Amino acid sequence: MEVIYTGLHQTPEQIVQTAIQEDAAAIGLSILSGAHMTLFARVLEVLREQDAEDIVVFGGGIIPDGDIPELQRLGVAQIFTPGATTDEIVNWVRTAIPQVAR
């Protein structure tokens, strides 16, 4: 799979635009700031606005367990919390996003 890292401090609009331009199958967000509810929601909103809801959104970081059900209700496919291994994340991506399972 190919990973495109856009760097720190990208706006949701920039993230979605890059995903669309690069024909990405998924967007993975790492959020350590505590702004996960706002940022995930805005990325999903911009995807809807751009008619790009087929792009899977997942992520992780410092996210309280109590917020995970709401993020999933909003449309976040998976949340990985501290302690998740790289293998766990890669295996989930390969299973959940068939386009990258090559």
Protein backbone atom coordinates (compact mmCIF):
# COMPACT_ATOMS: atom_id res chain seq x y z
CA MET A 1 0.00 0.00 0.00
CA GLU A 2 1.06 3.56 -0.55
CA VAL A 3 0.91 6.09 2.27
CA ILE A 4 0.81 9.81 1.61
CA TYR A 5 1.80 11.83 4.65
CA THR A 6 0.58 15.42 4.46
CA GLY A 7 2.34 16.70 7.56
CA LEU A 8 1.18 18.33 10.75
CA HIS A 9 -1.49 20.99 11.11
CA GLN A 10 -3.45 20.28 7.93
CA THR A 11 -7.03 21.49 7.83
CA PRO A 12 -9.82 19.00 7.18
CA GLU A 13 -10.31 20.68 3.80
CA GLN A 14 -6.65 20.17 2.89
CA ILE A 15 -6.74 16.53 4.02
CA VAL A 16 -9.82 15.74 1.94
CA GLN A 17 -8.50 17.61 -1.09
CA THR A 18 -5.26 15.62 -0.97
CA ALA A 19 -7.17 12.34 -0.61
CA ILE A 20 -9.31 13.17 -3.63
CA GLN A 21 -6.35 14.31 -5.74
CA GLU A 22 -4.38 11.17 -4.88
CA ASP A 23 -7.40 8.87 -5.39
CA ALA A 24 -6.97 7.56 -1.85
CA ALA A 25 -9.06 4.68 -0.58
CA ALA A 26 -8.77 5.84 3.03
CA ILE A 27 -7.84 8.69 5.32
CA GLY A 28 -6.07 7.83 8.56
CA LEU A 29 -5.92 10.56 11.18
CA SER A 30 -3.70 10.63 14.24
CA ILE A 31 -5.05 13.09 16.76
CA LEU A 32 -3.30 13.82 20.03
CA SER A 33 -4.70 17.30 20.64
CA GLY A 34 -8.06 16.41 22.13
CA ALA A 35 -9.86 17.89 19.11
CA HIS A 36 -10.86 14.46 17.74
CA MET A 37 -14.62 15.05 17.86
CA THR A 38 -14.35 18.29 15.89
CA LEU A 39 -11.69 17.16 13.40
CA PHE A 40 -13.15 13.75 12.55
CA ALA A 41 -16.62 15.29 12.17
CA ARG A 42 -15.32 18.02 9.86
CA VAL A 43 -13.34 15.59 7.67
CA LEU A 44 -16.47 13.46 7.26
CA GLU A 45 -18.54 16.57 6.50
CA VAL A 46 -16.09 17.75 3.82
CA LEU A 47 -16.06 14.26 2.28
CA ARG A 48 -19.87 14.45 2.01
CA GLU A 49 -19.66 17.95 0.52
CA GLN A 50 -17.17 16.69 -2.08
CA ASP A 51 -19.23 13.56 -2.87
CA ALA A 52 -16.30 11.45 -1.69
CA GLU A 53 -17.96 9.40 1.03
CA ASP A 54 -16.44 6.23 -0.44
CA ILE A 55 -13.12 7.23 1.19
CA VAL A 56 -12.87 5.31 4.46
CA VAL A 57 -11.93 7.35 7.54
CA PHE A 58 -10.11 5.77 10.47
CA GLY A 59 -7.67 6.96 13.06
CA GLY A 60 -6.39 6.98 16.53
CA GLY A 61 -4.58 8.82 19.21
CA ILE A 62 -5.55 10.01 22.64
CA ILE A 63 -9.27 9.33 22.34
CA PRO A 64 -11.38 8.50 25.40
CA ASP A 65 -13.24 5.19 25.19
CA GLY A 66 -16.50 7.06 25.78
CA ASP A 67 -16.06 9.07 22.57
CA ILE A 68 -15.52 6.07 20.30
CA PRO A 69 -19.22 5.12 19.86
CA GLU A 70 -20.07 8.69 18.81
CA LEU A 71 -17.18 8.78 16.34
CA GLN A 72 -18.38 5.49 14.87
CA ARG A 73 -21.93 6.87 14.67
CA LEU A 74 -20.53 9.83 12.72
CA GLY A 75 -18.93 7.42 10.24
CA VAL A 76 -15.40 6.79 11.49
CA ALA A 77 -14.71 3.18 10.52
CA GLN A 78 -12.18 2.34 13.24
CA ILE A 79 -10.40 3.97 16.16
CA PHE A 80 -7.05 2.75 17.47
CA THR A 81 -6.11 3.85 20.95
CA PRO A 82 -2.67 3.89 22.59
CA GLY A 83 -1.25 0.40 22.70
CA ALA A 84 -2.50 -0.60 19.25
CA THR A 85 0.32 -2.22 17.34
CA THR A 86 1.38 -1.36 13.82
CA ASP A 87 0.51 -4.93 12.81
CA GLU A 88 -3.00 -4.55 14.23
CA ILE A 89 -3.55 -1.35 12.25
CA VAL A 90 -2.09 -2.71 9.01
CA ASN A 91 -4.15 -5.90 9.28
CA TRP A 92 -7.30 -3.87 9.83
CA VAL A 93 -6.56 -1.68 6.80
CA ARG A 94 -5.93 -4.73 4.61
CA THR A 95 -9.18 -6.34 5.76
CA ALA A 96 -11.42 -3.26 5.82
CA ILE A 97 -10.17 -1.60 2.65
CA PRO A 98 -9.98 -4.25 -0.06
CA GLN A 99 -8.36 -1.91 -2.60
CA VAL A 100 -5.16 -1.94 -0.53
CA ALA A 101 -5.05 -5.66 0.21
CA ARG A 102 -2.70 -6.37 -2.69
